[in-house]
Amino acid sequence: MDLSTFVNVSLRLLEGFGTTVQIFCLTLLFSLPLGLIFSFASMSRFTPLKLLMRVFVWIIRGSPLMLQLIIVYYGPGLLASAMERAGTLNIIYEFAEYLNSFPPLTATVVAFSINYACYFSEIFRGGIESIPRGQYEAGQVLGMTKIQIFFRVILLQVIKRIIPPMSNEIITLVKDTSLARIITCYEIIYVGESFTKSQGLVWPLFYTGAFYLLFCGILTILFGYIEKKLDYFKA
């Protein structure tokens, strides 16, 4: 292995790693607030919404993420073909065709966001339900509204309790980004495999592990710091 080959491989892997980081950041951006919304729906007093949400979460958590990626990426195209053969309404067909035009990165972010939102929703739900009822009653005694109680009294305590399971899921997300290669998304494992297939080089594939270890190490330190900063929440 000469220096020029190592530099070329490193630059290509950095390019693929940029896509990996992009998938990671966009997934968190959409899945965290979506997971909170899902958790509220799963705790709703409106029984049909509660049951619908829990069934949806059960389906997403109970099926492989790889299968969900395939459905999101190839499903609209198959749906559009079926609609065309069935002679369905033109507007529905055009909508399916529009979905079929999504690039691999967009399909990846959509599938990952829905999948992780369902996992996060259960973590959020567990954290919210673990707060003693007295906390809510104390807020009501002080004349606070339900929204004020949630954001000023409950939320930070919930964050403190969910940091460990949330950090575990987020670190798992880093490694799950490698699944994007099955729909030809140009992430770091896809790049590493391309060197193996085109040049017969195996070491670039193992080299990708250094990027994952570094990324996960930074996240571990970050979450450890956040836990220490929230140590004053003892409730």
Protein backbone atom coordinates (compact mmCIF):
# COMPACT_ATOMS: atom_id res chain seq x y z
CA MET A 1 0.00 0.00 0.00
CA ASP A 2 1.56 3.29 -1.11
CA LEU A 3 0.88 6.72 0.32
CA SER A 4 -1.10 7.96 -2.69
CA THR A 5 -3.51 5.01 -2.41
CA PHE A 6 -3.99 5.63 1.31
CA VAL A 7 -4.67 9.34 0.74
CA ASN A 8 -7.11 8.59 -2.09
CA VAL A 9 -8.98 6.02 0.01
CA SER A 10 -9.07 8.37 3.01
CA LEU A 11 -10.51 11.23 0.95
CA ARG A 12 -13.16 8.99 -0.59
CA LEU A 13 -14.08 7.58 2.82
CA LEU A 14 -14.33 11.10 4.24
CA GLU A 15 -16.76 11.93 1.45
CA GLY A 16 -18.85 8.89 2.31
CA PHE A 17 -18.59 9.71 6.01
CA GLY A 18 -20.03 13.13 5.24
CA THR A 19 -23.13 11.40 3.90
CA THR A 20 -23.23 9.20 7.02
CA VAL A 21 -23.14 12.26 9.27
CA GLN A 22 -25.81 13.91 7.12
CA ILE A 23 -28.11 10.90 7.52
CA PHE A 24 -27.43 10.88 11.27
CA CYS A 25 -28.10 14.59 11.82
CA LEU A 26 -31.22 14.75 9.63
CA THR A 27 -32.64 11.64 11.28
CA LEU A 28 -32.22 13.16 14.74
CA LEU A 29 -33.61 16.50 13.55
CA PHE A 30 -36.87 14.87 12.44
CA SER A 31 -37.19 11.83 14.70
CA LEU A 32 -36.77 13.53 18.09
CA PRO A 33 -39.74 15.94 17.79
CA LEU A 34 -41.73 13.32 15.88
CA GLY A 35 -41.04 10.81 18.65
CA LEU A 36 -42.33 13.28 21.24
CA ILE A 37 -45.53 13.74 19.20
CA PHE A 38 -45.90 9.96 18.89
CA SER A 39 -45.49 9.60 22.67
CA PHE A 40 -48.26 12.13 23.31
CA ALA A 41 -50.50 10.24 20.87
CA SER A 42 -49.75 6.91 22.56
CA MET A 43 -50.72 8.44 25.93
CA SER A 44 -53.81 10.18 24.57
CA ARG A 45 -57.12 9.86 26.37
CA PHE A 46 -58.75 9.49 22.96
CA THR A 47 -58.75 5.69 22.79
CA PRO A 48 -58.85 5.24 18.96
CA LEU A 49 -55.80 7.51 18.53
CA LYS A 50 -53.98 5.77 21.38
CA LEU A 51 -54.63 2.29 19.95
CA LEU A 52 -53.75 3.38 16.40
CA MET A 53 -50.47 4.90 17.54
CA ARG A 54 -49.47 1.88 19.64
CA VAL A 55 -50.23 -0.51 16.76
CA PHE A 56 -48.17 1.66 14.41
CA VAL A 57 -45.25 1.75 16.85
CA TRP A 58 -45.53 -2.03 17.31
CA ILE A 59 -45.36 -2.60 13.54
CA ILE A 60 -42.37 -0.29 13.03
CA ARG A 61 -40.44 -1.65 16.01
CA GLY A 62 -41.32 -5.23 15.11
CA SER A 63 -40.13 -5.12 11.49
CA PRO A 64 -36.53 -4.78 10.23
CA LEU A 65 -35.26 -1.32 9.37
CA MET A 66 -33.82 -2.75 6.16
CA LEU A 67 -37.30 -3.81 5.05
CA GLN A 68 -38.65 -0.35 5.83
CA LEU A 69 -35.88 1.21 3.73
CA ILE A 70 -36.79 -1.00 0.80
CA ILE A 71 -40.50 -0.18 1.14
CA VAL A 72 -39.91 3.58 1.32
CA TYR A 73 -37.50 3.57 -1.64
CA TYR A 74 -39.14 1.06 -3.98
CA GLY A 75 -42.73 1.13 -2.70
CA PRO A 76 -43.86 4.36 -4.44
CA GLY A 77 -42.58 3.11 -7.79
CA LEU A 78 -44.38 -0.19 -7.42
CA LEU A 79 -47.51 1.67 -6.32
CA ALA A 80 -47.31 4.00 -9.32
CA SER A 81 -46.98 1.03 -11.69
CA ALA A 82 -49.96 -0.70 -10.11
CA MET A 83 -52.03 2.49 -10.37
CA GLU A 84 -51.06 2.95 -14.00
CA ARG A 85 -52.17 -0.58 -14.84
CA ALA A 86 -55.40 -0.10 -12.89
CA GLY A 87 -56.15 3.19 -14.63
CA THR A 88 -56.58 5.06 -11.33
CA LEU A 89 -57.14 8.79 -10.91
CA ASN A 90 -54.42 10.83 -12.57
CA ILE A 91 -53.73 12.99 -9.51
CA ILE A 92 -53.10 9.93 -7.33
CA TYR A 93 -50.82 8.46 -9.99
CA GLU A 94 -48.86 11.72 -10.27
CA PHE A 95 -48.43 11.81 -6.47
CA ALA A 96 -47.06 8.25 -6.48
CA GLU A 97 -44.72 9.20 -9.33
CA TYR A 98 -43.53 12.21 -7.32
CA LEU A 99 -42.71 9.99 -4.35
CA ASN A 100 -40.88 7.63 -6.71
CA SER A 101 -38.56 10.47 -7.72
CA PHE A 102 -37.08 10.73 -4.21
CA PRO A 103 -33.28 10.25 -4.23
CA PRO A 104 -31.76 7.50 -2.05
CA LEU A 105 -30.68 9.97 0.66
CA THR A 106 -34.21 11.35 1.04
CA ALA A 107 -35.72 7.87 1.21
CA THR A 108 -33.11 6.91 3.81
CA VAL A 109 -33.88 9.91 6.02
CA VAL A 110 -37.64 9.29 5.76
CA ALA A 111 -37.34 5.61 6.72
CA PHE A 112 -34.83 6.27 9.51
CA SER A 113 -36.85 9.16 10.94
CA ILE A 114 -40.05 7.13 11.17
CA ASN A 115 -38.24 4.12 12.61
CA TYR A 116 -36.32 6.01 15.28
CA ALA A 117 -39.29 8.24 16.11
CA CYS A 118 -41.13 5.09 17.19
CA TYR A 119 -38.25 3.97 19.41
CA PHE A 120 -37.83 7.46 20.85
CA SER A 121 -41.58 7.70 21.50
CA GLU A 122 -41.42 4.74 23.85
CA ILE A 123 -38.44 6.26 25.65
CA PHE A 124 -40.25 9.58 25.96
CA ARG A 125 -43.42 7.85 27.16
CA GLY A 126 -41.53 5.89 29.80
CA GLY A 127 -39.78 9.04 31.00
CA ILE A 128 -42.96 11.10 31.19
CA GLU A 129 -44.92 8.38 32.98
CA SER A 130 -42.09 7.90 35.50
CA ILE A 131 -42.54 11.43 36.90
CA PRO A 132 -44.57 11.30 40.15
CA ARG A 133 -48.10 12.66 39.92
CA GLY A 134 -47.28 15.04 42.76
CA GLN A 135 -45.08 17.06 40.41
CA TYR A 136 -48.11 17.88 38.25
CA GLU A 137 -50.26 18.65 41.29
CA ALA A 138 -47.62 20.99 42.71
CA GLY A 139 -47.58 22.92 39.45
CA GLN A 140 -51.35 23.20 39.48
CA VAL A 141 -51.28 24.49 43.06
CA LEU A 142 -48.88 27.22 41.91
CA GLY A 143 -51.39 28.27 39.24
CA MET A 144 -49.40 26.98 36.25
CA THR A 145 -51.08 25.80 33.06
CA LYS A 146 -50.56 22.25 31.76
CA ILE A 147 -48.14 23.52 29.11
CA GLN A 148 -46.14 25.48 31.70
CA ILE A 149 -46.03 22.46 34.00
CA PHE A 150 -44.72 20.25 31.22
CA PHE A 151 -42.00 22.58 29.94
CA ARG A 152 -40.94 24.17 33.25
CA VAL A 153 -41.33 21.28 35.69
CA ILE A 154 -41.55 17.94 33.88
CA LEU A 155 -39.46 18.16 30.70
CA LEU A 156 -35.99 18.64 32.23
CA GLN A 157 -36.63 15.83 34.71
CA VAL A 158 -37.71 13.62 31.81
CA ILE A 159 -34.55 14.50 29.87
CA LYS A 160 -32.44 13.54 32.88
CA ARG A 161 -34.11 10.12 33.08
CA ILE A 162 -34.07 9.32 29.38
CA ILE A 163 -30.47 10.32 28.60
CA PRO A 164 -29.02 6.78 29.14
CA PRO A 165 -31.53 4.89 26.94
CA MET A 166 -31.62 7.75 24.43
CA SER A 167 -27.83 7.80 24.11
CA ASN A 168 -27.87 4.06 23.47
CA GLU A 169 -30.38 4.47 20.62
CA ILE A 170 -28.49 7.40 19.13
CA ILE A 171 -25.21 5.47 19.10
CA THR A 172 -27.06 2.56 17.48
CA LEU A 173 -28.28 5.03 14.84
CA VAL A 174 -24.65 5.81 13.94
CA LYS A 175 -24.09 2.16 13.03
CA ASP A 176 -27.50 1.69 11.42
CA THR A 177 -26.63 4.34 8.82
CA SER A 178 -24.63 1.60 7.09
CA LEU A 179 -27.94 0.02 6.00
CA ALA A 180 -28.41 2.92 3.58
CA ARG A 181 -26.04 1.23 1.15
CA ILE A 182 -28.73 -1.31 0.18
CA ILE A 183 -30.57 1.45 -1.70
CA THR A 184 -27.30 2.76 -3.19
CA CYS A 185 -26.92 5.67 -0.81
CA TYR A 186 -23.28 6.76 -1.02
CA GLU A 187 -22.37 6.44 2.67
CA ILE A 188 -19.04 5.30 4.11
CA ILE A 189 -19.61 1.51 4.01
CA TYR A 190 -20.77 1.80 0.39
CA VAL A 191 -17.49 3.58 -0.43
CA GLY A 192 -15.43 0.98 1.43
CA GLU A 193 -17.17 -1.84 -0.44
CA SER A 194 -16.55 -0.10 -3.76
CA PHE A 195 -12.77 -0.40 -3.23
CA THR A 196 -13.15 -4.09 -2.42
CA LYS A 197 -15.21 -4.73 -5.56
CA SER A 198 -13.23 -2.58 -7.99
CA GLN A 199 -9.64 -2.93 -6.75
CA GLY A 200 -9.72 -6.01 -4.54
CA LEU A 201 -8.68 -3.99 -1.48
CA VAL A 202 -10.03 -5.30 1.81
CA TRP A 203 -8.41 -2.87 4.23
CA PRO A 204 -10.57 0.16 3.26
CA LEU A 205 -13.62 -1.74 4.51
CA PHE A 206 -11.95 -2.27 7.90
CA TYR A 207 -10.67 1.31 7.80
CA THR A 208 -14.29 2.50 7.97
CA GLY A 209 -14.44 1.07 11.49
CA ALA A 210 -12.07 3.83 12.67
CA PHE A 211 -14.57 6.48 11.57
CA TYR A 212 -17.43 4.77 13.43
CA LEU A 213 -15.33 4.31 16.57
CA LEU A 214 -14.29 7.96 16.55
CA PHE A 215 -17.86 9.18 16.00
CA CYS A 216 -19.30 6.90 18.71
CA GLY A 217 -16.49 7.90 21.08
CA ILE A 218 -17.30 11.59 20.65
CA LEU A 219 -21.01 10.90 21.27
CA THR A 220 -20.22 8.85 24.39
CA ILE A 221 -18.15 11.71 25.83
CA LEU A 222 -20.89 14.20 24.93
CA PHE A 223 -23.66 12.21 26.61
CA GLY A 224 -21.46 11.65 29.68
CA TYR A 225 -21.02 15.41 29.93
CA ILE A 226 -24.78 16.00 29.58
CA GLU A 227 -25.51 13.46 32.33
CA LYS A 228 -23.11 15.24 34.69
CA LYS A 229 -24.67 18.62 33.91
CA LEU A 230 -28.11 17.22 34.78
CA ASP A 231 -27.00 15.58 38.05
CA TYR A 232 -28.77 18.23 40.11
CA PHE A 233 -32.15 16.75 39.11
CA LYS A 234 -32.74 14.25 41.88
CA ALA A 235 -36.53 13.99 41.64
